[in-house]
N, C-alpha and C. Protein backbone atom coordinates (compact mmCIF):
# COMPACT_ATOMS: atom_id res chain seq x y z
N UNK A 1 -20.30 -2.66 8.17
CA UNK A 1 -19.55 -3.33 8.24
C UNK A 1 -19.76 -4.39 7.33
N UNK A 2 -19.06 -5.42 6.36
CA UNK A 2 -19.69 -6.76 5.39
C UNK A 2 -18.44 -7.89 6.75
N UNK A 3 -19.77 -8.00 6.85
CA UNK A 3 -19.06 -9.84 6.71
C UNK A 3 -17.82 -10.70 6.35
N UNK A 4 -17.81 -10.65 5.23
CA UNK A 4 -16.07 -10.54 4.74
C UNK A 4 -15.00 -9.38 6.09
N UNK A 5 -15.68 -8.33 5.77
CA UNK A 5 -14.81 -7.43 6.37
C UNK A 5 -14.58 -7.23 7.39
N UNK A 6 -15.74 -7.93 8.16
CA UNK A 6 -15.45 -7.42 9.54
C UNK A 6 -14.13 -9.41 9.92
N UNK A 7 -14.36 -10.76 9.30
CA UNK A 7 -13.75 -11.83 9.26
C UNK A 7 -12.04 -11.02 9.28
N UNK A 8 -12.04 -10.64 8.34
CA UNK A 8 -10.12 -10.12 8.28
C UNK A 8 -9.57 -9.76 8.59
N UNK A 9 -10.75 -8.16 9.39
CA UNK A 9 -10.06 -8.19 10.46
C UNK A 9 -10.53 -8.39 11.95
N UNK A 10 -10.52 -9.46 11.70
CA UNK A 10 -9.97 -10.12 12.61
C UNK A 10 -8.81 -11.14 12.69
N UNK A 11 -8.33 -11.54 11.71
CA UNK A 11 -8.05 -12.13 11.37
C UNK A 11 -6.36 -11.18 11.81
N UNK A 12 -6.60 -10.35 10.71
CA UNK A 12 -5.75 -9.11 10.70
C UNK A 12 -5.44 -8.63 12.65
N UNK A 13 -6.00 -8.45 13.40
CA UNK A 13 -6.17 -8.30 14.79
C UNK A 13 -5.18 -8.85 15.20
N UNK A 14 -5.47 -10.63 15.41
CA UNK A 14 -5.11 -11.04 16.02
C UNK A 14 -3.55 -11.43 15.16
N UNK A 15 -2.81 -11.54 13.92
CA UNK A 15 -1.72 -11.51 13.84
C UNK A 15 -0.90 -10.73 13.66
N UNK A 16 -0.82 -9.72 14.49
CA UNK A 16 -0.45 -7.77 13.78
C UNK A 16 0.63 -7.91 15.51
N UNK A 17 0.33 -8.61 16.42
CA UNK A 17 0.96 -8.10 17.64
C UNK A 17 2.29 -8.64 17.55
N UNK A 18 2.60 -10.47 17.35
CA UNK A 18 3.15 -11.33 16.54
C UNK A 18 4.31 -10.33 15.76
N UNK A 19 3.67 -9.85 14.44
CA UNK A 19 4.68 -9.19 13.44
C UNK A 19 4.99 -8.09 14.54
N UNK A 20 4.84 -7.32 15.06
CA UNK A 20 5.28 -6.10 15.99
C UNK A 20 5.77 -6.75 16.94
N UNK A 21 5.76 -7.58 17.61
CA UNK A 21 7.01 -8.23 18.72
C UNK A 21 8.16 -8.82 17.70
N UNK A 22 8.70 -9.40 16.39
CA UNK A 22 9.31 -9.21 16.30
C UNK A 22 10.20 -7.96 15.05
N UNK A 23 9.18 -7.20 14.40
CA UNK A 23 9.88 -6.14 14.13
C UNK A 23 10.31 -5.16 15.99
N UNK A 24 9.30 -4.60 16.39
CA UNK A 24 10.57 -3.86 17.34
C UNK A 24 11.47 -4.48 18.18
N UNK A 25 11.04 -6.09 18.32
CA UNK A 25 12.60 -5.73 18.60
C UNK A 25 14.29 -5.81 17.42
N UNK A 26 13.37 -6.62 16.79
CA UNK A 26 14.77 -6.15 15.75
C UNK A 26 14.95 -5.05 14.86
N UNK A 27 13.02 -4.52 13.88
CA UNK A 27 13.73 -4.10 13.37
C UNK A 27 12.56 -2.51 13.87
N UNK A 28 12.61 -1.48 14.62
CA UNK A 28 12.02 -1.06 14.91
C UNK A 28 11.62 -0.71 14.18
N UNK A 29 9.87 0.28 13.91
CA UNK A 29 9.68 1.24 12.73
C UNK A 29 8.76 2.46 14.05
N UNK A 30 9.40 3.70 13.10
CA UNK A 30 9.75 4.77 13.90
C UNK A 30 8.42 5.55 12.33
N UNK A 31 7.26 5.85 12.54
CA UNK A 31 7.09 6.66 12.28
C UNK A 31 6.93 8.36 12.07
N UNK A 32 7.20 9.02 10.72
CA UNK A 32 6.64 10.86 10.74
C UNK A 32 5.61 11.05 9.60
N UNK A 33 4.36 11.61 10.23
CA UNK A 33 3.07 11.86 9.61
C UNK A 33 1.76 11.58 9.56
N UNK A 34 1.88 10.91 10.91
CA UNK A 34 0.60 9.78 11.02
C UNK A 34 -0.34 10.54 10.86
N UNK A 35 -0.15 11.94 11.09
CA UNK A 35 -1.73 12.29 11.30
C UNK A 35 -2.23 12.76 9.89
N UNK A 36 -1.14 13.04 8.95
CA UNK A 36 -1.87 12.93 7.13
C UNK A 36 -2.36 11.40 6.97
N UNK A 37 -2.82 10.23 7.97
CA UNK A 37 -3.91 9.48 6.76
C UNK A 37 -4.96 9.73 7.02
N UNK A 38 -5.16 9.28 6.12
CA UNK A 38 -7.17 9.72 5.86
C UNK A 38 -8.35 8.77 7.24
N UNK A 39 -9.02 9.06 7.69
CA UNK A 39 -10.07 8.45 7.54
C UNK A 39 -10.87 7.72 6.64
N UNK A 40 -11.89 6.25 6.88
CA UNK A 40 -12.10 5.84 5.48
C UNK A 40 -10.94 4.82 4.62
N UNK A 41 -11.67 4.94 3.40
CA UNK A 41 -10.23 4.78 1.72
C UNK A 41 -9.99 5.08 1.56
N UNK A 42 -8.57 4.49 1.49
CA UNK A 42 -6.98 5.23 0.85
C UNK A 42 -6.91 3.87 0.25
N UNK A 43 -5.79 4.83 -0.52
CA UNK A 43 -4.91 4.03 -1.67
C UNK A 43 -3.84 4.02 -0.50
N UNK A 44 -3.14 3.33 -0.33
CA UNK A 44 -2.01 3.22 0.44
C UNK A 44 -0.54 2.93 -0.89
N UNK A 45 -0.13 4.22 -1.12
CA UNK A 45 1.33 4.63 -1.93
C UNK A 45 2.17 3.99 -1.84
N UNK A 46 3.42 3.26 -1.16
CA UNK A 46 4.76 3.11 -1.01
C UNK A 46 5.72 2.75 -1.77
N UNK A 47 6.86 2.99 -1.73
CA UNK A 47 8.01 2.74 -2.90
C UNK A 47 8.35 1.69 -2.80
N UNK A 48 8.73 1.35 -3.17
CA UNK A 48 9.28 -0.96 -3.19
C UNK A 48 11.01 -0.77 -3.54
N UNK A 49 11.52 -1.45 -2.57
CA UNK A 49 12.83 -1.63 -2.90
C UNK A 49 13.01 -2.86 -2.18
N UNK A 50 12.28 -4.20 -1.19
CA UNK A 50 12.76 -4.82 0.02
C UNK A 50 11.06 -5.51 -0.49
N UNK A 51 11.44 -6.79 0.55
CA UNK A 51 10.58 -7.83 0.51
C UNK A 51 9.60 -7.70 1.81
N UNK A 52 10.46 -6.82 2.23
CA UNK A 52 9.65 -6.47 3.83
C UNK A 52 8.91 -5.66 4.02
N UNK A 53 9.16 -4.74 2.82
CA UNK A 53 8.05 -3.61 2.83
C UNK A 53 6.65 -3.40 3.44
N UNK A 54 5.88 -4.82 2.87
CA UNK A 54 5.23 -4.20 2.92
C UNK A 54 4.19 -4.52 4.88
N UNK A 55 6.09 -5.63 5.70
CA UNK A 55 5.68 -5.48 7.18
C UNK A 55 5.65 -3.84 8.07
N UNK A 56 7.23 -2.98 6.75
CA UNK A 56 6.89 -1.57 7.29
C UNK A 56 5.80 -0.27 7.60
N UNK A 57 4.63 -0.54 6.30
CA UNK A 57 4.29 0.54 6.55
C UNK A 57 2.79 -0.33 6.81
N UNK A 58 2.98 -1.55 7.21
CA UNK A 58 1.96 -2.06 7.68
C UNK A 58 1.92 -1.02 9.46
N UNK A 59 2.86 -1.89 10.27
CA UNK A 59 2.93 -1.50 10.81
C UNK A 59 3.33 0.17 11.60
N UNK A 60 3.25 0.82 10.60
CA UNK A 60 3.22 2.35 10.06
C UNK A 60 1.84 2.52 10.80
N UNK A 61 1.49 2.24 9.29
CA UNK A 61 -0.15 1.85 10.14
C UNK A 61 -1.16 1.45 11.54
N UNK A 62 -0.60 1.11 11.88
CA UNK A 62 -0.40 0.24 14.09
C UNK A 62 -1.85 0.08 13.34
N UNK A 63 -1.81 -0.70 14.71
CA UNK A 63 -3.48 -1.85 14.61
C UNK A 63 -4.84 -1.63 14.24
N UNK A 64 -4.50 0.18 14.69
CA UNK A 64 -6.05 0.58 14.30
C UNK A 64 -6.55 0.39 13.21
N UNK A 65 -5.60 0.56 11.49
CA UNK A 65 -5.62 0.51 10.81
C UNK A 65 -5.29 -0.79 9.54
N UNK A 66 -5.85 -1.86 9.39
CA UNK A 66 -6.09 -3.16 9.39
C UNK A 66 -5.68 -2.15 7.95
N UNK A 67 -4.40 -3.11 6.38
CA UNK A 67 -4.60 -2.65 5.47
C UNK A 67 -4.68 -4.45 4.72
N UNK A 68 -5.87 -4.15 3.03
CA UNK A 68 -5.62 -4.61 3.40
C UNK A 68 -4.26 -4.15 1.55
N UNK A 69 -3.93 -5.64 0.92
CA UNK A 69 -3.05 -5.94 0.47
C UNK A 69 -3.16 -5.88 -0.90
N UNK A 70 -1.80 -5.90 -2.55
CA UNK A 70 -2.52 -5.81 -3.85
C UNK A 70 -0.59 -6.22 -3.54
N UNK A 71 -0.26 -7.98 -3.55
CA UNK A 71 0.47 -9.04 -4.40
C UNK A 71 0.21 -9.78 -5.24
N UNK A 72 1.70 -9.47 -5.73
CA UNK A 72 2.00 -10.79 -7.03
C UNK A 72 1.05 -12.30 -6.97
N UNK A 73 0.71 -12.74 -8.02
CA UNK A 73 -0.17 -14.35 -7.48
C UNK A 73 0.67 -14.77 -6.92
N UNK A 74 2.50 -14.49 -7.14
CA UNK A 74 2.79 -15.51 -7.11
C UNK A 74 3.29 -16.10 -5.19
N UNK A 75 3.40 -15.06 -4.55
CA UNK A 75 3.52 -15.48 -2.88
C UNK A 75 2.43 -15.89 -2.53
N UNK A 76 1.11 -15.64 -3.11
CA UNK A 76 -0.35 -16.12 -2.63
C UNK A 76 -0.36 -17.41 -3.26
N UNK A 77 0.55 -18.59 -3.93
CA UNK A 77 1.28 -19.79 -4.28
C UNK A 77 1.32 -20.92 -2.95
N UNK A 78 2.22 -20.03 -2.06
CA UNK A 78 3.30 -20.80 -0.89
C UNK A 78 1.93 -20.94 -0.53
N UNK A 79 2.75 -22.62 -0.24
CA UNK A 79 2.08 -22.61 0.88
C UNK A 79 1.74 -22.59 2.33
N UNK A 80 0.82 -22.26 3.22
CA UNK A 80 0.69 -21.79 3.88
C UNK A 80 0.41 -20.65 4.00
N UNK A 81 1.66 -20.80 3.61
CA UNK A 81 2.21 -18.67 3.63
C UNK A 81 1.17 -17.90 2.47
N UNK A 82 0.74 -18.22 1.73
CA UNK A 82 -0.32 -17.72 0.83
C UNK A 82 -1.78 -18.03 1.31
N UNK A 83 -1.89 -18.55 2.24
CA UNK A 83 -3.08 -19.48 3.43
C UNK A 83 -2.76 -18.04 3.85
N UNK A 84 -2.15 -18.33 4.71
CA UNK A 84 -2.41 -16.96 6.35
C UNK A 84 -2.70 -15.47 5.95
N UNK A 85 -1.22 -15.42 4.62
CA UNK A 85 -1.24 -14.20 3.68
C UNK A 85 -3.16 -13.78 3.29
N UNK A 86 -3.59 -14.47 2.80
CA UNK A 86 -5.47 -14.53 2.12
C UNK A 86 -6.08 -14.33 3.25
N UNK A 87 -5.69 -14.64 4.79
CA UNK A 87 -7.28 -14.73 5.28
C UNK A 87 -6.55 -12.94 6.39
N UNK A 88 -5.35 -12.59 6.52
CA UNK A 88 -5.25 -11.35 7.26
C UNK A 88 -5.01 -10.26 5.73
N UNK A 89 -6.12 -10.70 4.60
CA UNK A 89 -6.30 -9.30 3.30
C UNK A 89 -5.66 -9.19 2.05
N UNK A 90 -4.39 -10.23 2.00
CA UNK A 90 -3.36 -9.87 0.73
C UNK A 90 -4.41 -11.41 0.15
N UNK A 91 -3.73 -9.73 -1.28
CA UNK A 91 -4.88 -10.96 -2.21
C UNK A 91 -4.44 -11.35 -3.94
N UNK A 92 -4.23 -11.54 -4.30
CA UNK A 92 -2.97 -11.20 -5.71
C UNK A 92 -3.92 -10.79 -7.71
N UNK A 93 -2.09 -10.60 -7.88
CA UNK A 93 -2.40 -10.40 -8.92
C UNK A 93 -1.88 -10.44 -9.96
N UNK A 94 -2.21 -10.48 -11.12
CA UNK A 94 -1.27 -11.05 -13.00
C UNK A 94 -1.04 -10.14 -13.05
N UNK A 95 0.83 -10.35 -12.86
CA UNK A 95 1.31 -9.09 -13.04
C UNK A 95 1.77 -9.13 -14.91
N UNK A 96 1.83 -7.40 -15.76
CA UNK A 96 1.94 -7.93 -16.82
C UNK A 96 0.56 -7.67 -17.78
N UNK A 97 -1.23 -7.84 -17.11
CA UNK A 97 -1.64 -8.26 -18.03
C UNK A 97 -2.34 -7.38 -17.13
N UNK A 98 -3.73 -6.78 -17.72
CA UNK A 98 -5.02 -5.82 -17.43
C UNK A 98 -5.65 -7.50 -15.85
N UNK A 99 -5.74 -7.86 -14.86
CA UNK A 99 -6.27 -8.64 -14.38
C UNK A 99 -8.11 -8.04 -13.60
N UNK A 100 -9.19 -7.86 -14.44
CA UNK A 100 -10.24 -7.66 -14.01
C UNK A 100 -10.32 -7.62 -12.89
N UNK A 101 -10.09 -9.40 -11.70
CA UNK A 101 -10.22 -9.81 -11.13
C UNK A 101 -9.61 -9.21 -9.85
N UNK A 102 -9.44 -8.88 -10.16
CA UNK A 102 -7.96 -8.73 -8.53
C UNK A 102 -8.23 -6.72 -9.16
N UNK A 103 -8.35 -5.98 -9.85
CA UNK A 103 -8.96 -5.35 -9.85
C UNK A 103 -10.87 -4.31 -8.93
N UNK A 104 -11.32 -5.74 -9.53
CA UNK A 104 -12.68 -5.69 -9.00
C UNK A 104 -12.42 -5.83 -7.77
N UNK A 105 -11.62 -6.70 -7.33
CA UNK A 105 -10.95 -6.90 -5.39
C UNK A 105 -11.34 -5.77 -4.82
N UNK A 106 -9.88 -5.23 -5.94
CA UNK A 106 -9.52 -3.43 -5.08
C UNK A 106 -10.89 -2.69 -4.89
N UNK A 107 -11.12 -3.03 -5.84
CA UNK A 107 -12.45 -1.84 -5.82
C UNK A 107 -13.72 -2.18 -4.90
N UNK A 108 -13.63 -3.49 -4.30
CA UNK A 108 -14.78 -3.65 -3.25
C UNK A 108 -13.96 -2.83 -2.36
N UNK A 109 -13.07 -3.36 -2.01
CA UNK A 109 -12.33 -3.25 -0.75
C UNK A 109 -12.03 -1.84 0.35
N UNK A 110 -12.03 -1.15 -1.66
CA UNK A 110 -12.61 0.81 -1.09
C UNK A 110 -13.52 1.02 -0.60
N UNK A 111 -14.64 0.09 -1.54
CA UNK A 111 -16.58 0.47 -1.11
C UNK A 111 -16.81 0.52 0.22
N UNK A 112 -15.76 -0.77 0.14
CA UNK A 112 -16.00 -1.07 1.37
C UNK A 112 -15.38 -0.55 3.16
N UNK A 113 -14.66 0.28 2.51
CA UNK A 113 -14.20 1.69 3.91
C UNK A 113 -12.68 1.36 4.28
N UNK A 114 -12.24 -0.01 3.49
CA UNK A 114 -11.05 0.20 3.50
C UNK A 114 -9.66 0.68 3.34
N UNK A 115 -8.65 0.66 3.37
CA UNK A 115 -7.07 0.87 3.03
C UNK A 115 -6.62 -0.32 2.30
N UNK A 116 -5.87 -0.13 1.31
CA UNK A 116 -6.26 -0.83 0.36
C UNK A 116 -3.44 -0.70 0.04
N UNK A 117 -3.55 -1.77 0.32
CA UNK A 117 -1.87 -1.26 0.17
C UNK A 117 -1.69 -1.72 -1.18
N UNK A 118 -0.61 -0.78 -2.05
CA UNK A 118 -0.01 -1.18 -3.78
C UNK A 118 1.23 -0.46 -3.91
N UNK A 119 1.65 -0.97 -4.18
CA UNK A 119 3.28 -0.96 -4.55
C UNK A 119 2.46 0.25 -6.43
N UNK A 120 2.81 1.46 -6.58
CA UNK A 120 2.67 2.26 -7.93
C UNK A 120 3.36 1.87 -8.76
N UNK A 121 4.79 0.93 -8.40
CA UNK A 121 5.91 1.09 -9.51
C UNK A 121 5.56 -0.56 -10.17
N UNK A 122 4.95 -0.77 -8.99
CA UNK A 122 4.56 -2.30 -9.25
C UNK A 122 5.29 -3.59 -9.60
N UNK A 123 7.13 -3.51 -9.32
CA UNK A 123 8.42 -4.41 -8.92
C UNK A 123 8.30 -3.59 -7.50
N UNK A 124 9.52 -4.03 -7.74
CA UNK A 124 10.35 -3.55 -6.93
C UNK A 124 11.42 -3.44 -7.43
N UNK A 125 11.95 -2.44 -7.42
CA UNK A 125 12.99 -0.82 -7.47
C UNK A 125 13.97 -1.03 -7.14
N UNK A 126 15.10 -0.75 -7.32
CA UNK A 126 16.47 -0.46 -6.77
C UNK A 126 16.88 1.15 -5.79
N UNK A 127 17.08 0.95 -5.44
CA UNK A 127 17.33 2.70 -4.82
C UNK A 127 18.46 3.66 -5.68
N UNK A 128 17.66 4.37 -5.80
CA UNK A 128 18.05 5.50 -7.35
C UNK A 128 18.16 5.20 -8.60
N UNK A 129 16.96 3.98 -9.05
CA UNK A 129 16.37 3.81 -10.10
C UNK A 129 15.13 4.04 -10.15
N UNK A 130 15.43 4.91 -11.97
CA UNK A 130 14.50 5.70 -12.19
C UNK A 130 13.12 4.68 -12.82
N UNK A 131 12.10 4.43 -12.50
CA UNK A 131 11.05 3.22 -13.25
C UNK A 131 9.92 4.51 -12.99
N UNK A 132 8.93 4.14 -14.51
CA UNK A 132 7.94 4.92 -14.46
C UNK A 132 7.30 4.60 -13.87
N UNK A 133 5.85 5.37 -12.80
CA UNK A 133 5.38 4.53 -12.44
C UNK A 133 4.18 3.30 -12.61
N UNK A 134 3.10 2.77 -12.51
CA UNK A 134 1.61 2.13 -13.05
C UNK A 134 0.82 3.28 -12.45
N UNK A 135 -0.43 3.47 -14.41
CA UNK A 135 -1.67 3.71 -13.96
C UNK A 135 -2.88 3.13 -12.55
N UNK A 136 -2.19 1.93 -12.04
CA UNK A 136 -3.27 1.06 -11.55
C UNK A 136 -3.82 2.18 -10.53
N UNK A 137 -2.62 2.40 -9.66
CA UNK A 137 -3.06 3.50 -8.09
C UNK A 137 -4.06 4.85 -8.40
N UNK A 138 -3.60 5.23 -9.72
CA UNK A 138 -5.13 6.11 -9.60
C UNK A 138 -5.90 5.94 -10.70
N UNK A 139 -5.80 4.80 -11.04
CA UNK A 139 -7.49 4.63 -11.55
C UNK A 139 -8.55 4.02 -10.15
N UNK A 140 -7.70 3.22 -9.87
CA UNK A 140 -8.84 3.31 -8.53
C UNK A 140 -9.11 4.01 -8.06
N UNK A 141 -8.23 4.76 -7.33
CA UNK A 141 -8.39 6.44 -7.24
C UNK A 141 -9.65 7.77 -7.98
N UNK A 142 -9.72 7.28 -8.96
CA UNK A 142 -10.44 8.02 -9.41
C UNK A 142 -11.62 6.81 -9.36
N UNK A 143 -11.64 6.07 -9.48
CA UNK A 143 -12.61 5.18 -9.83
C UNK A 143 -13.63 5.50 -8.54
N UNK A 144 -12.88 5.53 -7.57
CA UNK A 144 -13.85 5.44 -6.20
C UNK A 144 -13.71 5.88 -5.64
N UNK A 145 -13.22 6.91 -6.25
CA UNK A 145 -13.26 8.67 -5.06
C UNK A 145 -12.12 8.16 -4.13
N UNK A 146 -11.29 7.33 -3.83
CA UNK A 146 -10.37 7.42 -2.87
C UNK A 146 -8.96 8.31 -2.70
N UNK A 147 -8.75 8.96 -2.03
CA UNK A 147 -7.22 9.15 -1.73
C UNK A 147 -6.14 8.70 -1.87
N UNK A 148 -5.24 8.76 -2.53
CA UNK A 148 -3.99 8.49 -2.61
C UNK A 148 -3.33 9.15 -1.53
N UNK A 149 -2.31 8.09 -1.09
CA UNK A 149 -0.94 8.51 -0.19
C UNK A 149 0.57 7.82 0.37
N UNK A 150 0.73 8.75 -0.30
CA UNK A 150 1.95 9.04 -0.41
C UNK A 150 3.35 8.04 1.22
N UNK A 151 3.93 7.46 0.76
CA UNK A 151 4.57 6.50 1.42
C UNK A 151 6.03 6.32 1.32
N UNK A 152 7.37 6.58 1.81
CA UNK A 152 8.73 6.57 1.76
C UNK A 152 9.12 5.22 3.09
N UNK A 153 9.52 4.53 2.47
CA UNK A 153 9.77 3.31 3.21
C UNK A 153 11.63 3.21 3.08
N UNK A 154 12.48 3.36 3.66
CA UNK A 154 13.58 3.68 3.24
C UNK A 154 14.88 2.04 2.78
N UNK A 155 15.16 1.99 1.78
CA UNK A 155 16.16 1.31 1.08
C UNK A 155 16.68 0.24 1.88
N UNK A 156 17.53 0.53 3.21
CA UNK A 156 18.54 0.25 4.29
C UNK A 156 17.86 0.23 5.32
N UNK A 157 17.34 -1.26 5.54
CA UNK A 157 16.72 -1.75 7.12
C UNK A 157 17.19 -1.33 7.83
N UNK A 158 17.52 -1.51 9.32
CA UNK A 158 18.55 -1.07 10.30
C UNK A 158 18.07 -2.32 10.90
N UNK A 159 18.91 -3.05 11.47
CA UNK A 159 18.97 -4.13 12.64
C UNK A 159 19.51 -3.22 14.02
N UNK A 160 18.23 -2.95 14.47
CA UNK A 160 18.04 -2.79 15.82
C UNK A 160 18.18 -1.32 16.28
N UNK A 161 17.86 -0.50 15.13
CA UNK A 161 17.53 1.21 15.28
C UNK A 161 16.38 0.86 14.57
N UNK A 162 16.29 2.18 14.89
CA UNK A 162 14.45 2.94 14.63
C UNK A 162 14.39 3.13 12.98
N UNK A 163 13.35 2.65 12.04
CA UNK A 163 13.85 2.71 10.60
C UNK A 163 12.27 3.41 10.78
N UNK A 164 12.92 4.59 9.68
CA UNK A 164 11.46 5.68 10.26
C UNK A 164 11.29 5.32 8.27
N UNK A 165 9.33 5.60 8.51
CA UNK A 165 9.08 4.84 7.78
C UNK A 165 7.69 6.78 7.53
N UNK A 166 7.81 7.61 6.58
CA UNK A 166 7.19 9.10 6.52
C UNK A 166 5.56 8.68 5.67
N UNK A 167 4.64 9.51 6.26
CA UNK A 167 3.68 9.35 5.65
C UNK A 167 3.36 11.03 5.10
N UNK A 168 3.22 10.60 3.75
CA UNK A 168 2.87 12.40 3.35
C UNK A 168 1.05 12.75 3.44
N UNK A 169 1.22 13.96 2.84
CA UNK A 169 -0.41 14.42 3.01
C UNK A 169 -1.16 14.15 1.85
N UNK A 170 -2.54 13.14 1.68
CA UNK A 170 -3.52 12.24 0.88
C UNK A 170 -3.00 13.38 -0.21
N UNK A 171 -3.00 12.79 -2.02
CA UNK A 171 -3.49 13.30 -3.00
C UNK A 171 -4.67 13.02 -3.35
N UNK A 172 -5.98 13.51 -3.72
CA UNK A 172 -7.34 13.83 -4.30
C UNK A 172 -6.49 14.01 -5.70
N UNK A 173 -7.25 13.41 -6.26
CA UNK A 173 -6.94 13.23 -8.42
C UNK A 173 -8.52 14.22 -8.90
N UNK A 174 -8.36 15.01 -9.57
CA UNK A 174 -8.74 15.75 -9.87
C UNK A 174 -8.80 15.18 -11.09
N UNK A 175 -9.74 15.40 -12.03
CA UNK A 175 -9.25 15.36 -13.29
C UNK A 175 -10.79 15.66 -14.00
N UNK A 176 -10.50 15.80 -15.51
CA UNK A 176 -11.48 17.19 -16.22
C UNK A 176 -13.71 16.17 -16.34
N UNK A 177 -13.65 15.49 -16.50
CA UNK A 177 -14.81 15.34 -17.47
C UNK A 177 -15.03 14.30 -15.93
N UNK A 178 -16.67 13.41 -16.85
CA UNK A 178 -16.81 12.16 -16.38
C UNK A 178 -15.55 11.21 -16.15
N UNK A 179 -15.13 10.55 -17.06
CA UNK A 179 -13.93 9.94 -16.98
C UNK A 179 -12.67 10.22 -17.84
N UNK A 180 -11.76 9.48 -16.47
CA UNK A 180 -9.88 9.84 -17.02
C UNK A 180 -9.88 9.72 -17.84
N UNK A 181 -8.38 10.02 -19.13
CA UNK A 181 -8.46 9.93 -19.92
C UNK A 181 -6.29 8.97 -19.44
N UNK A 182 -6.00 8.03 -20.44
CA UNK A 182 -5.13 7.81 -19.97
C UNK A 182 -3.33 8.83 -20.04
N UNK A 183 -3.75 9.93 -20.07
CA UNK A 183 -2.44 11.53 -20.27
C UNK A 183 -3.43 11.31 -18.88
N UNK A 184 -4.09 11.48 -18.10
CA UNK A 184 -4.09 12.02 -16.24
C UNK A 184 -4.36 10.92 -15.65
N UNK A 185 -4.69 9.80 -15.96
CA UNK A 185 -4.03 8.51 -15.57
C UNK A 185 -2.12 7.90 -14.51
N UNK A 186 -1.51 9.08 -16.25
CA UNK A 186 -0.18 9.06 -16.20
C UNK A 186 -0.23 10.29 -15.24
N UNK A 187 -0.52 11.73 -15.40
CA UNK A 187 0.13 12.60 -14.75
C UNK A 187 -0.33 12.21 -13.24
N UNK A 188 -1.17 11.57 -12.24
CA UNK A 188 -1.89 11.17 -11.72
C UNK A 188 -1.05 10.40 -10.59
N UNK A 189 -0.05 9.55 -11.24
CA UNK A 189 0.72 8.48 -11.24
C UNK A 189 1.62 9.44 -11.11
N UNK A 190 2.17 9.61 -11.85
CA UNK A 190 3.72 10.63 -11.39
C UNK A 190 3.35 11.81 -10.68
N UNK A 191 2.20 12.06 -10.39
CA UNK A 191 3.22 13.25 -9.10
C UNK A 191 2.54 12.86 -7.72
N UNK A 192 2.85 11.63 -7.54
CA UNK A 192 2.21 10.30 -6.69
C UNK A 192 3.60 10.24 -6.43
N UNK A 193 4.11 9.49 -7.56
CA UNK A 193 6.10 8.95 -6.78
C UNK A 193 6.68 10.57 -6.59
N UNK A 194 6.71 11.43 -7.05
CA UNK A 194 7.17 12.50 -6.36
C UNK A 194 6.73 13.19 -5.49
N UNK A 195 5.99 13.03 -4.82
CA UNK A 195 5.10 13.33 -2.90
C UNK A 195 5.73 12.14 -3.03
N UNK A 196 5.82 11.10 -3.29
CA UNK A 196 6.85 10.11 -1.92
C UNK A 196 8.67 11.01 -2.04
N UNK A 197 9.09 11.04 -3.88
CA UNK A 197 10.32 11.32 -3.62
C UNK A 197 10.84 11.93 -3.14
N UNK A 198 9.49 13.31 -2.05
CA UNK A 198 10.02 14.61 -1.41
C UNK A 198 9.75 13.75 0.08
N UNK A 199 9.43 12.88 0.01
CA UNK A 199 9.62 12.33 1.56
C UNK A 199 11.11 12.10 1.34
N UNK A 200 11.14 11.01 0.99
CA UNK A 200 12.73 10.85 0.79
C UNK A 200 14.30 11.87 0.72
N UNK A 201 13.59 12.77 -0.12
CA UNK A 201 14.64 13.66 0.19
C UNK A 201 14.38 14.14 1.66
N UNK A 202 13.22 14.18 2.68
CA UNK A 202 13.42 15.05 4.20
C UNK A 202 13.95 13.82 4.72
N UNK A 203 14.31 12.97 4.59
CA UNK A 203 14.76 11.38 5.49
C UNK A 203 16.13 11.90 5.96
């Protein structure tokens, strides 16, 4: 374990009980499919319909599985909140362009054995809206050899009643040659979102 990983994990474990307490009171989380969580590095890939989605996923993976989170840069620029998020492993990405710095940081986390939460759709999407998944998660999975874990978070979050987060079986991308093509990345992204859709239908 690297010193950076150990430091982030300490802060993550420190703040986790506070988040768990609030959500346990107001928006309790019920997990289905926890047995599908793999050991070691993985890309955790949920649908994204609301600002609170990362908290539901974090709680579904429990305290023993700290998640690093890729978020839009604007979130990290919020005074104080951005600093606290950075302490627990949230890092920013510049949307709309190839952010090499964010990609390198994501790969470093994965190669350190961490789990990375990344929204494949790249932005919040209304329930029922059809948005093509970005290929960033697929690219990171291929380059690091990490599995993709589909997750479904309900769009409607209920107060004082269980909100079911479903975790699907990991997807390990397979490519033909030594380097994936754009078409292969696209196919992997599509398969991932199809698995998220199937989890939604099971709700």
